[in-house]
Each structure stands twice: as C-alpha cells, then as structure tokens.
Protein backbone atom coordinates (compact mmCIF):
# COMPACT_ATOMS: atom_id res chain seq x y z
CA MET A 1 -0.01 0.12 -0.02
CA ILE A 2 1.22 3.72 -0.70
CA THR A 3 0.81 6.11 2.30
CA ARG A 4 2.18 9.16 0.88
CA ALA A 5 1.12 11.70 -1.92
CA ILE A 6 2.04 14.87 -3.19
CA ILE A 7 -0.52 17.00 -4.82
CA ILE A 8 0.45 19.94 -6.83
CA VAL A 9 -1.50 23.13 -6.72
CA SER A 10 -1.22 25.04 -9.99
CA ALA A 11 -0.40 28.49 -9.68
CA ALA A 12 -2.94 29.01 -12.48
CA MET A 13 -5.90 27.65 -10.15
CA ALA A 14 -8.13 29.71 -8.56
CA SER A 15 -10.28 29.15 -5.29
CA GLU A 16 -13.28 28.79 -7.12
CA ASP A 17 -11.50 25.86 -9.24
CA LEU A 18 -10.39 23.87 -6.28
CA LEU A 19 -14.13 24.29 -4.64
CA ARG A 20 -15.86 23.53 -7.81
CA PRO A 21 -18.44 20.75 -6.91
CA ILE A 22 -17.75 17.49 -8.76
CA ALA A 23 -20.55 14.73 -8.05
CA GLY A 24 -21.49 16.60 -4.99
CA VAL A 25 -17.82 16.84 -3.55
CA PRO A 26 -15.53 19.93 -4.31
CA LEU A 27 -12.65 19.44 -6.35
CA LEU A 28 -9.63 19.07 -3.84
CA SER A 29 -11.64 17.90 -1.37
CA ARG A 30 -12.42 15.18 -4.04
CA LEU A 31 -8.77 14.25 -4.51
CA LEU A 32 -7.89 14.20 -0.84
CA LEU A 33 -10.61 11.90 0.02
CA SER A 34 -9.67 9.69 -2.74
CA VAL A 35 -6.33 9.20 -2.25
CA GLN A 36 -7.13 8.67 1.63
CA ARG A 37 -9.50 5.81 0.23
CA ALA A 38 -6.36 4.53 -1.46
CA GLY A 39 -4.41 4.14 1.80
CA VAL A 40 -2.72 7.37 1.90
CA ARG A 41 -2.08 8.72 5.33
CA GLU A 42 0.36 11.53 4.64
CA ILE A 43 -0.22 14.43 1.95
CA VAL A 44 1.83 17.39 0.83
CA LEU A 45 0.08 20.04 -0.61
CA LEU A 46 2.48 21.87 -2.88
CA GLY A 47 1.93 25.16 -4.43
CA VAL A 48 -0.47 26.65 -1.85
CA SER A 49 -0.27 30.42 -2.15
CA SER A 50 -1.59 33.08 0.38
CA ALA A 51 -4.62 33.39 -2.29
CA LEU A 52 -5.55 29.88 -2.17
CA THR A 53 -5.02 29.40 1.71
CA PRO A 54 -8.70 30.01 2.73
CA ALA A 55 -10.16 27.67 0.14
CA VAL A 56 -7.23 24.92 1.10
CA ALA A 57 -8.12 25.61 5.12
CA GLU A 58 -11.79 24.96 4.19
CA VAL A 59 -11.09 21.74 2.15
CA THR A 60 -8.42 20.29 4.87
CA GLU A 61 -10.96 21.06 7.90
CA ASP A 62 -13.49 18.64 6.54
CA ARG A 63 -14.03 15.99 8.92
CA ARG A 64 -13.95 13.16 6.63
CA LEU A 65 -10.35 13.93 6.01
CA LEU A 66 -8.28 11.73 8.31
CA ALA A 67 -4.92 12.08 6.53
CA ARG A 68 -2.18 14.32 7.87
CA VAL A 69 -1.91 17.18 5.05
CA LEU A 70 0.93 19.91 5.13
CA CYS A 71 0.36 22.70 3.02
CA LEU A 72 3.71 24.41 1.32
CA GLU A 73 4.53 26.94 -0.97
CA ASP A 74 6.17 25.87 -4.22
CA GLN A 75 10.00 26.68 -3.42
CA PRO A 76 13.13 24.73 -4.59
CA TRP A 77 14.11 21.64 -2.61
CA SER A 78 16.73 23.12 -0.22
CA ALA A 79 14.21 25.43 0.77
CA LEU A 80 11.40 23.15 1.74
CA ILE A 81 13.65 20.96 3.92
CA ARG A 82 14.34 23.69 6.07
CA ILE A 83 10.85 24.53 6.63
CA ALA A 84 9.68 21.18 6.79
CA PRO A 85 12.73 18.88 7.91
CA GLU A 86 10.62 15.84 7.87
CA LEU A 87 10.58 15.55 4.19
CA GLU A 88 14.15 15.02 4.40
CA LYS A 89 13.97 11.86 6.30
CA THR A 90 11.36 9.22 6.17
CA TRP A 91 9.10 10.53 3.38
CA TRP A 92 11.04 8.63 0.52
CA GLU A 93 11.37 5.24 1.67
CA ASP A 94 8.43 3.78 -0.46
CA ASP A 95 6.48 4.54 -3.45
CA LEU A 96 4.42 7.78 -3.37
CA TRP A 97 1.70 9.46 -5.43
CA VAL A 98 2.41 12.80 -7.40
CA LEU A 99 -0.87 14.09 -8.75
CA PRO A 100 -2.13 17.51 -10.31
CA GLY A 101 -4.47 19.10 -7.87
CA SER A 102 -6.92 19.60 -10.98
CA ALA A 103 -7.20 15.83 -11.10
CA VAL A 104 -10.22 13.35 -10.54
CA VAL A 105 -9.26 10.15 -9.44
CA ASP A 106 -10.91 7.00 -8.54
CA GLY A 107 -9.47 5.71 -4.84
CA MET A 108 -10.24 2.20 -6.03
CA LEU A 109 -8.08 2.45 -9.04
CA LEU A 110 -4.90 3.88 -6.66
CA ARG A 111 -5.56 1.18 -4.63
CA GLU A 112 -5.19 -1.55 -7.29
CA VAL A 113 -2.49 0.06 -8.95
CA ALA A 114 -0.68 0.28 -5.50
CA LYS A 115 -0.60 -3.39 -5.81
CA TYR A 116 1.29 -4.01 -9.13
CA THR A 117 4.86 -4.87 -9.06
CA VAL A 118 6.62 -1.78 -11.03
CA ILE A 119 10.32 -2.11 -11.97
CA GLN A 120 10.70 1.40 -13.56
CA PRO A 121 10.91 4.27 -10.69
CA VAL A 122 7.96 6.15 -12.63
CA ALA A 123 4.64 4.57 -13.52
CA VAL A 124 2.09 7.29 -15.23
CA LEU A 125 -1.57 6.39 -15.12
CA GLU A 126 -3.29 6.30 -18.54
CA PRO A 127 -6.24 8.71 -18.24
CA TRP A 128 -9.73 7.86 -18.72
CA PRO A 129 -12.58 8.64 -19.82
CA ILE A 130 -10.80 11.66 -21.39
CA ALA A 131 -7.44 11.79 -23.24
CA SER A 132 -4.99 14.14 -21.91
CA PRO A 133 -2.77 16.36 -24.11
CA GLN A 134 1.02 16.06 -23.44
CA ALA A 135 1.12 19.42 -22.13
CA TRP A 136 -1.54 18.58 -18.99
CA PRO A 137 -0.44 17.33 -15.80
CA THR A 138 -0.44 13.71 -15.10
CA CYS A 139 -0.85 11.23 -12.26
CA VAL A 140 2.27 9.43 -11.38
CA ARG A 141 3.53 6.60 -9.18
CA VAL A 142 7.23 7.12 -8.45
CA ALA A 143 9.80 5.44 -6.27
CA GLY A 144 10.75 7.20 -3.30
CA PRO A 145 14.50 6.81 -2.96
CA TRP A 146 14.98 7.57 -7.14
CA LEU A 147 12.78 10.74 -6.36
CA GLN A 148 14.67 12.10 -3.41
CA ARG A 149 18.01 11.65 -5.37
CA LEU A 150 16.44 13.64 -8.41
CA LEU A 151 15.29 16.40 -5.79
CA GLU A 152 18.71 16.59 -3.95
CA ALA A 153 20.61 17.17 -7.46
CA SER A 154 17.54 19.58 -8.62
CA GLY A 155 19.37 22.79 -7.22
CA GLU A 156 17.20 25.92 -7.49
CA ILE A 157 14.33 24.49 -9.70
CA PRO A 158 10.87 24.71 -7.90
CA LEU A 159 9.97 21.36 -6.63
CA ALA A 160 6.65 21.22 -8.81
CA GLN A 161 8.42 21.99 -12.10
CA VAL A 162 10.91 18.88 -11.07
CA LEU A 163 7.45 17.01 -10.14
CA GLU A 164 5.68 18.00 -13.37
CA ALA A 165 8.48 16.72 -15.78
CA LEU A 166 8.32 12.90 -14.10
CA PRO A 167 5.98 11.81 -17.02
CA HIS A 168 8.45 12.72 -19.73
CA SER A 169 11.51 10.76 -17.99
CA SER A 170 12.98 8.32 -20.00
CA GLU A 171 12.29 5.69 -17.35
CA ALA A 172 8.51 6.02 -17.18
CA VAL A 173 6.03 3.62 -17.92
CA CYS A 174 2.47 3.65 -18.54
CA LEU A 175 -0.42 1.68 -16.50
CA PRO A 176 -4.02 0.84 -17.51
CA HIS A 177 -6.87 2.53 -16.19
CA ALA A 178 -9.23 -0.52 -15.91
CA ASP A 179 -12.16 1.62 -16.79
CA ARG A 180 -11.83 3.73 -13.66
CA VAL A 181 -11.84 7.63 -13.69
CA CYS A 182 -8.23 9.09 -13.82
CA THR A 183 -8.26 12.45 -15.14
CA PRO A 184 -5.37 14.88 -14.45
CA ARG A 185 -7.63 18.18 -15.55
CA VAL A 186 -11.22 18.65 -15.25
CA THR A 187 -12.74 21.42 -17.06
CA ARG A 188 -16.30 22.80 -17.23
CA GLU A 189 -16.65 21.21 -20.74
CA THR A 190 -15.54 17.84 -19.70
CA GLN A 191 -17.25 17.55 -16.03
CA ALA A 192 -20.20 15.68 -17.11
CA VAL A 193 -18.36 12.92 -18.75
CA VAL A 194 -16.08 12.78 -15.81
CA GLU A 195 -18.99 12.48 -13.44
CA ALA A 196 -20.47 9.88 -15.79
CA GLY A 197 -17.28 7.82 -15.34
CA LEU A 198 -17.61 8.16 -11.68
CA PHE A 199 -21.08 6.33 -11.92
CA ALA A 200 -20.01 3.75 -13.87
CA GLY A 201 -17.38 2.80 -11.43
CA LEU A 202 -20.14 2.29 -9.11
CA GLN A 203 -21.73 -1.01 -10.18
CA SER A 204 -21.22 -3.75 -7.89
CA THR A 205 -20.46 -7.82 -8.63
CA SER A 206 -23.15 -8.40 -6.56
CA ASP A 207 -25.83 -6.38 -8.49
CA GLY A 208 -28.52 -8.83 -10.15
CA TRP A 209 -29.53 -8.43 -13.41
CA VAL A 210 -32.29 -6.07 -13.00
CA ASP A 211 -30.19 -3.81 -10.82
CA ARG A 212 -27.30 -3.93 -13.69
CA TYR A 213 -29.76 -3.06 -16.50
CA ILE A 214 -32.59 -1.58 -15.03
CA ASN A 215 -31.91 0.09 -11.76
CA ARG A 216 -28.49 1.34 -12.07
CA LYS A 217 -29.62 2.85 -15.56
CA LEU A 218 -32.15 4.89 -13.68
CA SER A 219 -30.62 5.41 -10.24
CA PRO A 220 -28.13 8.32 -11.57
CA VAL A 221 -31.10 10.56 -12.27
CA PHE A 222 -32.42 10.81 -8.61
CA THR A 223 -28.63 10.07 -7.20
CA ARG A 224 -27.60 13.58 -9.10
CA TRP A 225 -30.40 15.59 -7.61
CA PHE A 226 -29.36 14.17 -4.08
CA LEU A 227 -26.16 15.20 -4.62
CA ARG A 228 -27.25 18.66 -5.10
CA THR A 229 -28.60 18.54 -1.69
CA SER A 230 -27.86 18.04 2.20
CA LEU A 231 -29.57 14.42 2.15
CA THR A 232 -27.35 12.08 3.79
CA PRO A 233 -27.40 8.34 2.33
CA ASN A 234 -29.42 7.32 5.53
CA ARG A 235 -32.04 9.84 4.75
CA VAL A 236 -32.30 8.48 0.99
CA THR A 237 -32.24 5.03 2.58
CA LEU A 238 -35.47 6.32 4.84
CA ILE A 239 -36.96 7.29 1.56
CA SER A 240 -36.60 4.09 -0.15
CA LEU A 241 -38.10 2.44 2.83
CA ALA A 242 -40.80 4.79 2.57
CA LEU A 243 -41.76 4.37 -0.85
CA GLY A 244 -41.61 0.39 0.02
CA LEU A 245 -43.95 0.72 2.76
CA VAL A 246 -46.27 2.47 0.53
CA ALA A 247 -45.95 0.05 -1.97
CA ALA A 248 -46.92 -2.98 0.56
CA VAL A 249 -50.09 -0.62 1.12
CA GLY A 250 -50.93 -1.06 -2.79
CA PHE A 251 -50.27 -4.66 -2.47
CA ALA A 252 -52.79 -5.08 0.56
CA GLN A 253 -55.69 -4.02 -1.60
CA GLU A 254 -57.75 -6.43 -3.87
CA ALA A 255 -58.08 -3.83 -6.39
CA TRP A 256 -56.04 -4.77 -9.86
CA LEU A 257 -55.04 -1.22 -10.31
CA SER A 258 -53.73 -0.69 -6.67
CA GLN A 259 -51.73 -3.80 -7.07
CA VAL A 260 -50.08 -2.62 -9.92
CA ILE A 261 -49.38 0.76 -8.43
CA GLY A 262 -47.89 -1.04 -5.53
CA ALA A 263 -45.62 -3.33 -7.88
CA LEU A 264 -44.47 0.01 -9.68
CA LEU A 265 -43.89 1.76 -6.39
CA LEU A 266 -41.71 -1.26 -5.36
CA GLN A 267 -39.49 -1.00 -8.35
CA TRP A 268 -39.18 2.84 -7.75
CA SER A 269 -38.00 1.81 -4.33
CA ALA A 270 -35.34 -0.69 -5.49
CA VAL A 271 -34.17 2.35 -7.54
CA ILE A 272 -33.68 4.69 -4.67
CA ASP A 273 -32.32 1.78 -2.79
CA CYS A 274 -29.09 1.89 -5.21
CA CYS A 275 -28.92 5.64 -4.68
CA ASP A 276 -28.18 5.22 -1.20
CA GLY A 277 -25.09 3.68 -1.92
CA GLU A 278 -24.21 5.67 -4.79
CA VAL A 279 -24.45 9.00 -2.60
CA ALA A 280 -22.29 7.35 0.25
CA ARG A 281 -19.61 6.39 -2.15
CA LEU A 282 -19.85 9.44 -4.12
CA LYS A 283 -19.57 11.58 -0.99
CA PHE A 284 -17.06 9.77 0.71
CA LEU A 285 -20.10 9.01 3.54
CA GLU A 286 -19.88 5.27 3.86
CA SER A 287 -20.42 3.92 7.45
CA PRO A 288 -21.37 0.57 9.35
CA SER A 289 -24.77 2.04 10.44
CA GLY A 290 -25.74 3.04 6.99
CA PHE A 291 -24.89 -0.38 5.87
CA TYR A 292 -26.99 -2.30 8.70
CA LEU A 293 -29.67 0.55 8.01
CA ASP A 294 -29.88 -0.65 4.39
CA ILE A 295 -30.16 -4.19 5.03
CA VAL A 296 -32.68 -4.16 7.54
CA GLY A 297 -34.83 -1.41 5.51
CA ASP A 298 -34.94 -3.65 2.49
CA ASN A 299 -36.12 -6.24 4.74
CA VAL A 300 -38.66 -4.44 6.49
CA VAL A 301 -39.94 -3.51 2.88
CA HIS A 302 -39.76 -7.41 2.03
CA LEU A 303 -41.84 -8.25 5.14
CA ALA A 304 -44.26 -5.65 4.61
CA VAL A 305 -45.22 -6.60 0.98
CA PHE A 306 -45.01 -10.35 1.81
CA ALA A 307 -47.52 -9.74 4.70
CA ALA A 308 -49.38 -7.62 2.28
CA ILE A 309 -49.62 -10.08 -0.55
CA ALA A 310 -50.90 -12.60 1.66
CA TRP A 311 -53.59 -10.39 3.23
CA SER A 312 -54.92 -9.23 -0.11
CA SER A 313 -55.05 -13.16 -1.27
CA TYR A 314 -56.61 -14.16 1.55
CA THR A 315 -59.47 -11.68 1.29
CA SER A 316 -59.78 -12.31 -2.33
CA LEU A 317 -59.68 -16.09 -2.21
CA GLY A 318 -61.84 -16.37 1.26
CA GLN A 319 -58.97 -19.27 2.01
CA THR A 320 -56.55 -19.18 5.28
CA TYR A 321 -53.54 -21.08 3.26
CA PRO A 322 -52.17 -17.39 1.79
CA LEU A 323 -51.81 -16.39 5.27
CA TRP A 324 -49.88 -19.74 6.14
CA LEU A 325 -47.63 -19.11 3.21
CA GLY A 326 -47.11 -15.40 4.14
CA GLY A 327 -46.25 -16.39 7.63
CA LEU A 328 -43.70 -19.17 6.14
CA ALA A 329 -42.34 -16.22 3.79
CA ALA A 330 -41.95 -13.68 6.64
CA PHE A 331 -39.90 -16.61 8.87
CA GLY A 332 -37.90 -17.44 5.87
CA THR A 333 -37.18 -13.84 5.48
CA VAL A 334 -36.05 -13.13 8.77
CA MET A 335 -34.03 -16.26 9.12
CA ALA A 336 -32.28 -15.28 5.60
CA LEU A 337 -31.21 -12.08 7.13
CA LEU A 338 -29.79 -13.55 10.27
CA VAL A 339 -28.16 -16.28 8.44
CA VAL A 340 -26.47 -13.94 5.64
CA LEU A 341 -25.36 -11.39 8.86
CA VAL A 342 -23.57 -14.23 10.33
CA THR A 343 -22.18 -16.21 7.61
CA ARG A 344 -20.93 -13.18 5.34
CA HIS A 345 -20.73 -10.27 7.80
CA GLY A 346 -19.95 -11.91 11.04
CA PRO A 347 -16.57 -11.70 13.05
CA THR A 348 -15.92 -15.34 12.17
CA ARG A 349 -16.88 -15.07 8.79
CA PRO A 350 -16.05 -18.53 6.80
CA GLY A 351 -14.48 -17.82 3.52
CA SER A 352 -16.47 -19.42 0.58
CA ALA A 353 -16.54 -18.31 -3.28
CA THR A 354 -19.76 -20.75 -3.56
CA LEU A 355 -21.61 -19.31 -0.38
CA ASP A 356 -20.71 -15.41 -1.77
CA ARG A 357 -21.81 -16.43 -5.31
CA LEU A 358 -25.08 -17.79 -3.73
CA ILE A 359 -25.83 -15.03 -1.52
CA ASP A 360 -25.09 -12.17 -4.11
CA THR A 361 -27.38 -14.21 -6.65
CA LEU A 362 -30.61 -14.56 -4.29
CA THR A 363 -30.17 -11.18 -1.94
CA ASN A 364 -31.17 -8.59 -4.32
CA ARG A 365 -34.58 -7.16 -5.59
CA ASP A 366 -34.83 -8.71 -8.96
CA PHE A 367 -38.06 -10.30 -7.87
CA SER A 368 -39.25 -6.71 -8.07
CA VAL A 369 -39.97 -6.92 -11.93
CA LEU A 370 -41.80 -10.55 -11.28
CA LEU A 371 -44.11 -8.97 -8.90
CA ILE A 372 -44.80 -6.56 -11.53
CA LEU A 373 -45.71 -9.33 -14.15
CA CYS A 374 -47.82 -11.02 -11.36
CA ALA A 375 -49.57 -7.87 -10.46
CA LEU A 376 -50.31 -7.22 -14.22
CA THR A 377 -51.53 -11.05 -14.61
CA GLY A 378 -53.56 -11.19 -11.40
CA THR A 379 -51.57 -14.14 -10.05
CA LEU A 380 -49.55 -12.52 -6.89
CA ASN A 381 -51.41 -15.54 -5.02
CA TRP A 382 -49.17 -17.93 -7.05
CA PHE A 383 -46.00 -15.77 -6.17
CA LEU A 384 -46.71 -16.62 -2.56
CA TRP A 385 -45.95 -20.33 -2.90
CA ALA A 386 -42.80 -19.54 -4.89
CA LEU A 387 -41.63 -17.46 -2.34
CA ALA A 388 -42.69 -19.34 1.04
CA ILE A 389 -40.83 -22.59 -0.47
CA GLY A 390 -37.57 -20.52 -2.20
CA VAL A 391 -36.67 -18.20 0.91
CA ASN A 392 -36.71 -21.19 3.06
CA LEU A 393 -34.69 -23.29 0.82
CA PHE A 394 -32.26 -20.35 0.56
CA TRP A 395 -31.77 -19.89 4.23
CA LEU A 396 -31.32 -23.65 4.84
CA LEU A 397 -28.69 -23.83 2.09
CA THR A 398 -26.63 -21.00 2.87
CA LEU A 399 -26.51 -21.74 6.45
CA GLY A 400 -25.31 -25.68 5.30
CA LEU A 401 -22.70 -23.97 2.85
CA GLY A 402 -21.79 -21.50 5.75
CA TRP A 403 -21.43 -24.39 8.20
CA LYS A 404 -19.39 -26.32 6.02
CA ALA A 405 -16.69 -23.49 5.02
CA TYR A 406 -16.29 -22.97 8.80
CA ARG A 407 -15.62 -26.51 9.62
CA MET A 408 -13.03 -26.36 6.83
CA ALA A 409 -11.45 -23.16 7.82
CA HIS A 410 -11.01 -24.80 11.62
CA GLU A 411 -9.79 -28.13 10.57
C-alpha cells in the first residue's frame, strides 16, 4: 500500500476551481478523500499560495479527511526541507503518488495500481475517460528513493517543476486505467463526462440483472439530484423504505390497479435503494450504521410486501392458506437475514466463493420485476407459493454452506 502523496496545486488555479463541486464534492476535497480511500495517510499540498489559503483551509478542515496534510508554497528542494525537515528523512522510503490538484481519480484505481509490481521508478496512470494532451499534468506513481536523489540534485529549480517533468522521464512506464476515472484535469466542458465515469465505477459485482440493466440505469437521475441537496445516505435509505411501505399498502388492496401501482412503487423503491450507496460512495460517507440500516430497511420492506400480498390473497380467495404462506415467507425472510449476517458479515465469517455467489445471486431485488408481471396478470397468490418455498430453501442452503466452510476453515 502507498501511504504518501504529493498534490501539486497549479499557480493557474483559483479558489473557485478548487471548490467547484464534482459529483457533490469540491474538486480538491474529492482528490484528498480519494487518495485517503486508497490508503494514503500523509499528503503534501504543494503550491498553496496565500490567495488559495482560505479555500485550502476549508477543504482540509473537512471531518471526513483523516490523513495528515502539510501545505507548502512551491520552492526549491533545499528551501522546503528547511521549512519541513521531516521531508528529508522518512518520506522517501517507499513509493508515493504525485498528482495534479486539478485531477479527479478513483480511489479504488489507486488502491489497485498500488498492488502492481513496477520495475521502473516512474509509472504514469493512463487517463480515462478523457485523453489528456501531453502539455497537461499527469497522475504518477514514483519510487521514493529514486525521487529523493532527483530532488537533491535539482538545485534551485522549484519542486513543482521537477515533479511535473516526471511523466516525460525516459524511465517512465504506463499503467492501465481499468475503466476507472483518472482525469488529470477537469474543465467545465468535460465535467459531465468525468461524472458519468464516476457513476460507471459504482456498479457492484453483487448486482443482479435487474439492478445492472434497469435500476443502475435509472438511479443516476435521482442520485444527481440527491447530490445537490444536504440529504445523507441514511436519509435516502429512509426514502426508499417509505416508498416500499407505501407499495405494501397497494399490494394489500384487492383492486387490480392498486396492486399494479404497488408493484411500480416497489420498483421505484428498488431504484432509490441503489441511490443511497451511490451517494455514500460519491460523497465519501460510507459507514457501518448506513450498511446495516440499508439491510434492515430492505428486509422491512420485504416483510411488509409479503404480508400485504398474503392479506390481499386471503381476502380475495376467502381461504386461509395465503396467510400460512405469508407467515412462512416472513419466517424465511427473517432467518435469511440472520444467516446472511452471520455467514457473510459476522466476525468469524467463513471464506467460500460458492457461498458468496449464492448470496449475491439471491439477496437482491430482482424479484421486483416478477412482482410487476404477477400484478399485471393477477397471479400474486402464485408468487406466495414460490416465495414461501424458495426463501426457506435459501436460508437452509446458506446455513449448510456456511457451516461447511466454517468447519473446513478450522480443521
């Protein structure tokens, strides 16, 4: 892991450039939080003039920023080490990042690239989704000991000038972007493309096909609006929960139109359910409480919808078996939640690729589209049969695989 970074704030940048929102977060804040997400714990902001000090202070006082930040004006190496003597010692033991202050870089890309074995002392990240002219600054991974020797020999050349020449070194190699955002400079003309790239990087391997091809296509419309507000990810989760509970009211009615509206509202709830995670990742507001609120909220909606379908089937058919099926579905839903929490998120979580694939495949809201079809065709009572059997088979199978993986891990 790379734990240090130098970020060059160009003299051409103004305070409004540093504070311009990119997907709901000021440009410089996004860069600092991205490198922090990648594992960086010490950051030098180089080139901070007195005119930029108020804007930089606003960014560095952000409570989300836990990394240590040292702000320095651009000077020759010999002058800087007199101001900050620590730069002469431990800073150059390992690789470090050199990034332009105008950049937007996906923290997960930096984390992955940090794992690569690079023989050359300079590795340049390939720009994406916008190609950068050679005159623009570039995102660079550089070997610390090699860079220290270069700086010691730089004489009276300002440090930023030395660092900006790194991509043109004869010893530089190029590293792939892996379809994650790495844009050294964002302009107002390219901002929309860069933000679209950030959204593209939010897709999860656990997304079902409905999430991948429907919900994730619709969710950015709402997420962009949420990003312009002060709504936290947890409040977005509560909006999704409220929509799901209103959908359950529609399912509880016997009228065909009410049930169709309920199914459509549930699908809308599933779209908003994607937004809370998108807002959390784009605003760097992920938290354990948000994770568990999301899981519990999903299951509260599921229980309410299943109970509502059981009730409407009971009142329309005049038979009690839908209530029994609804009870079995509710029991299976609660058991599935508990088993998944223990086997996948518990402190003694067993490692099993088969178990992970099973949970990813069956713990999503892909069934929301099936509910729309059942509501349109008036066959929601048949959905209860499949649900009551399927959800109980799921938690039993998950429990069995989890126990098997646990035993293998402790043999």
